[in-house]
């Protein structure tokens, strides 16, 4: 399965708590942190919910 690199580019302040929790579920704890995940449907769904806060790259 393909891997993706997810980097938080915008703060979660001012956004609903649910979107902040989605960032935590992806493993992102602070700004400009990068995590690598498998591109499963579950992870892609989480990324879609916070696409305006993160940058996604294929590896």
PDB file of N, CA and C in Angstrom:
ATOM      1  N   UNK A   1       0.841  -1.184   0.000  1.00  0.00           N
ATOM      2  CA  UNK A   1       0.000   0.000   0.000  1.00  0.00           C
ATOM      3  C   UNK A   1       0.884   1.245   0.000  1.00  0.00           C
ATOM      4  N   UNK A   2       0.413   2.288  -0.623  1.00  0.00           N
ATOM      5  CA  UNK A   2       1.169   3.543  -0.733  1.00  0.00           C
ATOM      6  C   UNK A   2       1.233   4.256   0.617  1.00  0.00           C
ATOM      7  N   UNK A   3       2.289   5.039   0.782  1.00  0.00           N
ATOM      8  CA  UNK A   3       2.434   5.837   1.990  1.00  0.00           C
ATOM      9  C   UNK A   3       2.248   7.298   1.634  1.00  0.00           C
ATOM     10  N   UNK A   4       1.738   8.062   2.605  1.00  0.00           N
ATOM     11  CA  UNK A   4       1.595   9.502   2.425  1.00  0.00           C
ATOM     12  C   UNK A   4       2.260  10.213   3.592  1.00  0.00           C
ATOM     13  N   UNK A   5       2.715  11.429   3.331  1.00  0.00           N
ATOM     14  CA  UNK A   5       3.328  12.263   4.349  1.00  0.00           C
ATOM     15  C   UNK A   5       2.358  13.407   4.630  1.00  0.00           C
ATOM     16  N   UNK A   6       1.966  13.571   5.901  1.00  0.00           N
ATOM     17  CA  UNK A   6       0.985  14.579   6.298  1.00  0.00           C
ATOM     18  C   UNK A   6       1.688  15.599   7.187  1.00  0.00           C
ATOM     19  N   UNK A   7       1.605  16.886   6.821  1.00  0.00           N
ATOM     20  CA  UNK A   7       2.230  17.959   7.582  1.00  0.00           C
ATOM     21  C   UNK A   7       1.172  18.991   7.932  1.00  0.00           C
ATOM     22  N   UNK A   8       1.113  19.378   9.209  1.00  0.00           N
ATOM     23  CA  UNK A   8       0.169  20.415   9.618  1.00  0.00           C
ATOM     24  C   UNK A   8       0.732  21.768   9.212  1.00  0.00           C
ATOM     25  N   UNK A   9      -0.053  22.532   8.432  1.00  0.00           N
ATOM     26  CA  UNK A   9       0.408  23.826   7.942  1.00  0.00           C
ATOM     27  C   UNK A   9      -0.366  24.990   8.541  1.00  0.00           C
ATOM     28  N   UNK A  10      -1.490  24.720   9.177  1.00  0.00           N
ATOM     29  CA  UNK A  10      -2.330  25.775   9.734  1.00  0.00           C
ATOM     30  C   UNK A  10      -2.803  25.342  11.115  1.00  0.00           C
ATOM     31  N   UNK A  11      -2.936  26.304  12.013  1.00  0.00           N
ATOM     32  CA  UNK A  11      -3.331  26.013  13.376  1.00  0.00           C
ATOM     33  C   UNK A  11      -4.790  25.573  13.456  1.00  0.00           C
ATOM     34  N   UNK A  12      -5.071  24.731  14.437  1.00  0.00           N
ATOM     35  CA  UNK A  12      -6.438  24.273  14.668  1.00  0.00           C
ATOM     36  C   UNK A  12      -7.248  25.235  15.524  1.00  0.00           C
ATOM     37  N   UNK A  13      -6.617  26.308  16.011  1.00  0.00           N
ATOM     38  CA  UNK A  13      -7.309  27.292  16.854  1.00  0.00           C
ATOM     39  C   UNK A  13      -8.411  27.955  16.030  1.00  0.00           C
ATOM     40  N   UNK A  14      -9.583  28.041  16.606  1.00  0.00           N
ATOM     41  CA  UNK A  14     -10.706  28.661  15.922  1.00  0.00           C
ATOM     42  C   UNK A  14     -11.535  27.688  15.106  1.00  0.00           C
ATOM     43  N   UNK A  15     -11.123  26.440  15.075  1.00  0.00           N
ATOM     44  CA  UNK A  15     -11.874  25.412  14.363  1.00  0.00           C
ATOM     45  C   UNK A  15     -12.571  24.513  15.383  1.00  0.00           C
ATOM     46  N   UNK A  16     -13.604  23.787  14.948  1.00  0.00           N
ATOM     47  CA  UNK A  16     -14.340  22.924  15.878  1.00  0.00           C
ATOM     48  C   UNK A  16     -13.435  21.905  16.574  1.00  0.00           C
ATOM     49  N   UNK A  17     -13.805  21.541  17.779  1.00  0.00           N
ATOM     50  CA  UNK A  17     -13.049  20.575  18.582  1.00  0.00           C
ATOM     51  C   UNK A  17     -12.890  19.249  17.843  1.00  0.00           C
ATOM     52  N   UNK A  18     -13.875  18.885  17.081  1.00  0.00           N
ATOM     53  CA  UNK A  18     -13.828  17.622  16.346  1.00  0.00           C
ATOM     54  C   UNK A  18     -12.666  17.602  15.331  1.00  0.00           C
ATOM     55  N   UNK A  19     -12.397  18.750  14.712  1.00  0.00           N
ATOM     56  CA  UNK A  19     -11.283  18.814  13.766  1.00  0.00           C
ATOM     57  C   UNK A  19      -9.948  18.749  14.496  1.00  0.00           C
ATOM     58  N   UNK A  20      -9.865  19.334  15.682  1.00  0.00           N
ATOM     59  CA  UNK A  20      -8.649  19.245  16.498  1.00  0.00           C
ATOM     60  C   UNK A  20      -8.398  17.797  16.898  1.00  0.00           C
ATOM     61  N   UNK A  21      -9.458  17.085  17.240  1.00  0.00           N
ATOM     62  CA  UNK A  21      -9.335  15.682  17.617  1.00  0.00           C
ATOM     63  C   UNK A  21      -8.924  14.826  16.418  1.00  0.00           C
ATOM     64  N   UNK A  22      -9.336  15.222  15.231  1.00  0.00           N
ATOM     65  CA  UNK A  22      -8.946  14.507  14.023  1.00  0.00           C
ATOM     66  C   UNK A  22      -7.440  14.632  13.800  1.00  0.00           C
ATOM     67  N   UNK A  23      -6.874  15.821  14.046  1.00  0.00           N
ATOM     68  CA  UNK A  23      -5.426  16.004  13.939  1.00  0.00           C
ATOM     69  C   UNK A  23      -4.695  15.090  14.917  1.00  0.00           C
ATOM     70  N   UNK A  24      -5.201  14.999  16.143  1.00  0.00           N
ATOM     71  CA  UNK A  24      -4.591  14.130  17.153  1.00  0.00           C
ATOM     72  C   UNK A  24      -4.697  12.670  16.717  1.00  0.00           C
ATOM     73  N   UNK A  25      -5.822  12.292  16.129  1.00  0.00           N
ATOM     74  CA  UNK A  25      -6.005  10.915  15.657  1.00  0.00           C
ATOM     75  C   UNK A  25      -5.013  10.578  14.543  1.00  0.00           C
ATOM     76  N   UNK A  26      -4.613  11.575  13.784  1.00  0.00           N
ATOM     77  CA  UNK A  26      -3.611  11.362  12.735  1.00  0.00           C
ATOM     78  C   UNK A  26      -2.201  11.307  13.306  1.00  0.00           C
ATOM     79  N   UNK A  27      -2.044  11.675  14.578  1.00  0.00           N
ATOM     80  CA  UNK A  27      -0.737  11.633  15.214  1.00  0.00           C
ATOM     81  C   UNK A  27      -0.007  12.955  15.201  1.00  0.00           C
ATOM     82  N   UNK A  28      -0.725  14.031  14.848  1.00  0.00           N
ATOM     83  CA  UNK A  28      -0.117  15.360  14.778  1.00  0.00           C
ATOM     84  C   UNK A  28      -0.403  16.092  16.084  1.00  0.00           C
ATOM     85  N   UNK A  29       0.677  16.547  16.742  1.00  0.00           N
ATOM     86  CA  UNK A  29       0.521  17.205  18.031  1.00  0.00           C
ATOM     87  C   UNK A  29       0.843  18.688  18.000  1.00  0.00           C
ATOM     88  N   UNK A  30       1.623  19.131  17.000  1.00  0.00           N
ATOM     89  CA  UNK A  30       1.995  20.545  16.950  1.00  0.00           C
ATOM     90  C   UNK A  30       2.216  20.992  15.510  1.00  0.00           C
ATOM     91  N   UNK A  31       2.309  22.284  15.321  1.00  0.00           N
ATOM     92  CA  UNK A  31       2.473  22.879  13.998  1.00  0.00           C
ATOM     93  C   UNK A  31       3.739  22.375  13.308  1.00  0.00           C
ATOM     94  N   UNK A  32       3.654  22.221  12.008  1.00  0.00           N
ATOM     95  CA  UNK A  32       4.767  21.820  11.142  1.00  0.00           C
ATOM     96  C   UNK A  32       5.315  20.430  11.460  1.00  0.00           C
ATOM     97  N   UNK A  33       4.574  19.662  12.233  1.00  0.00           N
ATOM     98  CA  UNK A  33       4.967  18.278  12.491  1.00  0.00           C
ATOM     99  C   UNK A  33       4.550  17.430  11.298  1.00  0.00           C
ATOM    100  N   UNK A  34       5.388  16.486  10.946  1.00  0.00           N
ATOM    101  CA  UNK A  34       5.118  15.602   9.808  1.00  0.00           C
ATOM    102  C   UNK A  34       5.017  14.166  10.295  1.00  0.00           C
ATOM    103  N   UNK A  35       4.018  13.457   9.800  1.00  0.00           N
ATOM    104  CA  UNK A  35       3.856  12.039  10.098  1.00  0.00           C
ATOM    105  C   UNK A  35       3.698  11.288   8.779  1.00  0.00           C
ATOM    106  N   UNK A  36       4.151  10.038   8.771  1.00  0.00           N
ATOM    107  CA  UNK A  36       3.984   9.170   7.611  1.00  0.00           C
ATOM    108  C   UNK A  36       2.972   8.087   7.954  1.00  0.00           C
ATOM    109  N   UNK A  37       1.993   7.921   7.084  1.00  0.00           N
ATOM    110  CA  UNK A  37       0.932   6.942   7.301  1.00  0.00           C
ATOM    111  C   UNK A  37       0.702   6.149   6.030  1.00  0.00           C
ATOM    112  N   UNK A  38       0.150   4.951   6.181  1.00  0.00           N
ATOM    113  CA  UNK A  38      -0.309   4.170   5.042  1.00  0.00           C
ATOM    114  C   UNK A  38      -1.561   4.853   4.488  1.00  0.00           C
ATOM    115  N   UNK A  39      -1.716   4.850   3.182  1.00  0.00           N
ATOM    116  CA  UNK A  39      -2.854   5.512   2.540  1.00  0.00           C
ATOM    117  C   UNK A  39      -4.066   4.587   2.523  1.00  0.00           C
ATOM    118  N   UNK A  40      -4.581   4.273   3.703  1.00  0.00           N
ATOM    119  CA  UNK A  40      -5.778   3.442   3.811  1.00  0.00           C
ATOM    120  C   UNK A  40      -7.017   4.329   3.681  1.00  0.00           C
ATOM    121  N   UNK A  41      -8.165   3.762   3.383  1.00  0.00           N
ATOM    122  CA  UNK A  41      -9.385   4.564   3.283  1.00  0.00           C
ATOM    123  C   UNK A  41      -9.700   5.323   4.578  1.00  0.00           C
ATOM    124  N   UNK A  42      -9.372   4.723   5.731  1.00  0.00           N
ATOM    125  CA  UNK A  42      -9.641   5.382   6.997  1.00  0.00           C
ATOM    126  C   UNK A  42      -8.790   6.636   7.155  1.00  0.00           C
ATOM    127  N   UNK A  43      -7.514   6.530   6.854  1.00  0.00           N
ATOM    128  CA  UNK A  43      -6.601   7.672   6.983  1.00  0.00           C
ATOM    129  C   UNK A  43      -6.958   8.746   5.960  1.00  0.00           C
ATOM    130  N   UNK A  44      -7.270   8.348   4.742  1.00  0.00           N
ATOM    131  CA  UNK A  44      -7.644   9.319   3.716  1.00  0.00           C
ATOM    132  C   UNK A  44      -8.929  10.057   4.095  1.00  0.00           C
ATOM    133  N   UNK A  45      -9.837   9.375   4.779  1.00  0.00           N
ATOM    134  CA  UNK A  45     -11.060  10.022   5.262  1.00  0.00           C
ATOM    135  C   UNK A  45     -10.759  11.064   6.330  1.00  0.00           C
ATOM    136  N   UNK A  46      -9.826  10.737   7.244  1.00  0.00           N
ATOM    137  CA  UNK A  46      -9.430  11.705   8.268  1.00  0.00           C
ATOM    138  C   UNK A  46      -8.769  12.927   7.626  1.00  0.00           C
ATOM    139  N   UNK A  47      -7.917  12.679   6.649  1.00  0.00           N
ATOM    140  CA  UNK A  47      -7.232  13.782   5.965  1.00  0.00           C
ATOM    141  C   UNK A  47      -8.248  14.663   5.238  1.00  0.00           C
ATOM    142  N   UNK A  48      -9.264  14.070   4.650  1.00  0.00           N
ATOM    143  CA  UNK A  48     -10.281  14.841   3.932  1.00  0.00           C
ATOM    144  C   UNK A  48     -11.021  15.791   4.868  1.00  0.00           C
ATOM    145  N   UNK A  49     -11.198  15.390   6.124  1.00  0.00           N
ATOM    146  CA  UNK A  49     -11.917  16.230   7.092  1.00  0.00           C
ATOM    147  C   UNK A  49     -11.123  17.458   7.510  1.00  0.00           C
ATOM    148  N   UNK A  50      -9.785  17.375   7.418  1.00  0.00           N
ATOM    149  CA  UNK A  50      -8.941  18.505   7.835  1.00  0.00           C
ATOM    150  C   UNK A  50      -8.018  18.947   6.702  1.00  0.00           C
ATOM    151  N   UNK A  51      -8.454  18.774   5.465  1.00  0.00           N
ATOM    152  CA  UNK A  51      -7.607  19.096   4.316  1.00  0.00           C
ATOM    153  C   UNK A  51      -7.155  20.552   4.298  1.00  0.00           C
ATOM    154  N   UNK A  52      -7.935  21.454   4.920  1.00  0.00           N
ATOM    155  CA  UNK A  52      -7.597  22.871   4.960  1.00  0.00           C
ATOM    156  C   UNK A  52      -6.523  23.196   6.007  1.00  0.00           C
ATOM    157  N   UNK A  53      -6.167  22.226   6.861  1.00  0.00           N
ATOM    158  CA  UNK A  53      -5.169  22.429   7.903  1.00  0.00           C
ATOM    159  C   UNK A  53      -3.864  21.696   7.619  1.00  0.00           C
ATOM    160  N   UNK A  54      -3.853  20.809   6.666  1.00  0.00           N
ATOM    161  CA  UNK A  54      -2.674  19.964   6.430  1.00  0.00           C
ATOM    162  C   UNK A  54      -2.237  19.997   4.966  1.00  0.00           C
ATOM    163  N   UNK A  55      -1.006  19.565   4.746  1.00  0.00           N
ATOM    164  CA  UNK A  55      -0.470  19.370   3.395  1.00  0.00           C
ATOM    165  C   UNK A  55      -0.153  17.880   3.264  1.00  0.00           C
ATOM    166  N   UNK A  56      -0.540  17.280   2.168  1.00  0.00           N
ATOM    167  CA  UNK A  56      -0.365  15.839   1.959  1.00  0.00           C
ATOM    168  C   UNK A  56       0.531  15.610   0.748  1.00  0.00           C
ATOM    169  N   UNK A  57       1.527  14.727   0.910  1.00  0.00           N
ATOM    170  CA  UNK A  57       2.435  14.367  -0.180  1.00  0.00           C
ATOM    171  C   UNK A  57       2.489  12.855  -0.286  1.00  0.00           C
ATOM    172  N   UNK A  58       2.557  12.367  -1.508  1.00  0.00           N
ATOM    173  CA  UNK A  58       2.765  10.936  -1.739  1.00  0.00           C
ATOM    174  C   UNK A  58       4.247  10.622  -1.575  1.00  0.00           C
ATOM    175  N   UNK A  59       4.544   9.458  -1.026  1.00  0.00           N
ATOM    176  CA  UNK A  59       5.942   9.031  -0.856  1.00  0.00           C
ATOM    177  C   UNK A  59       6.226   7.959  -1.885  1.00  0.00           C
TER     178      UNK A  59
END
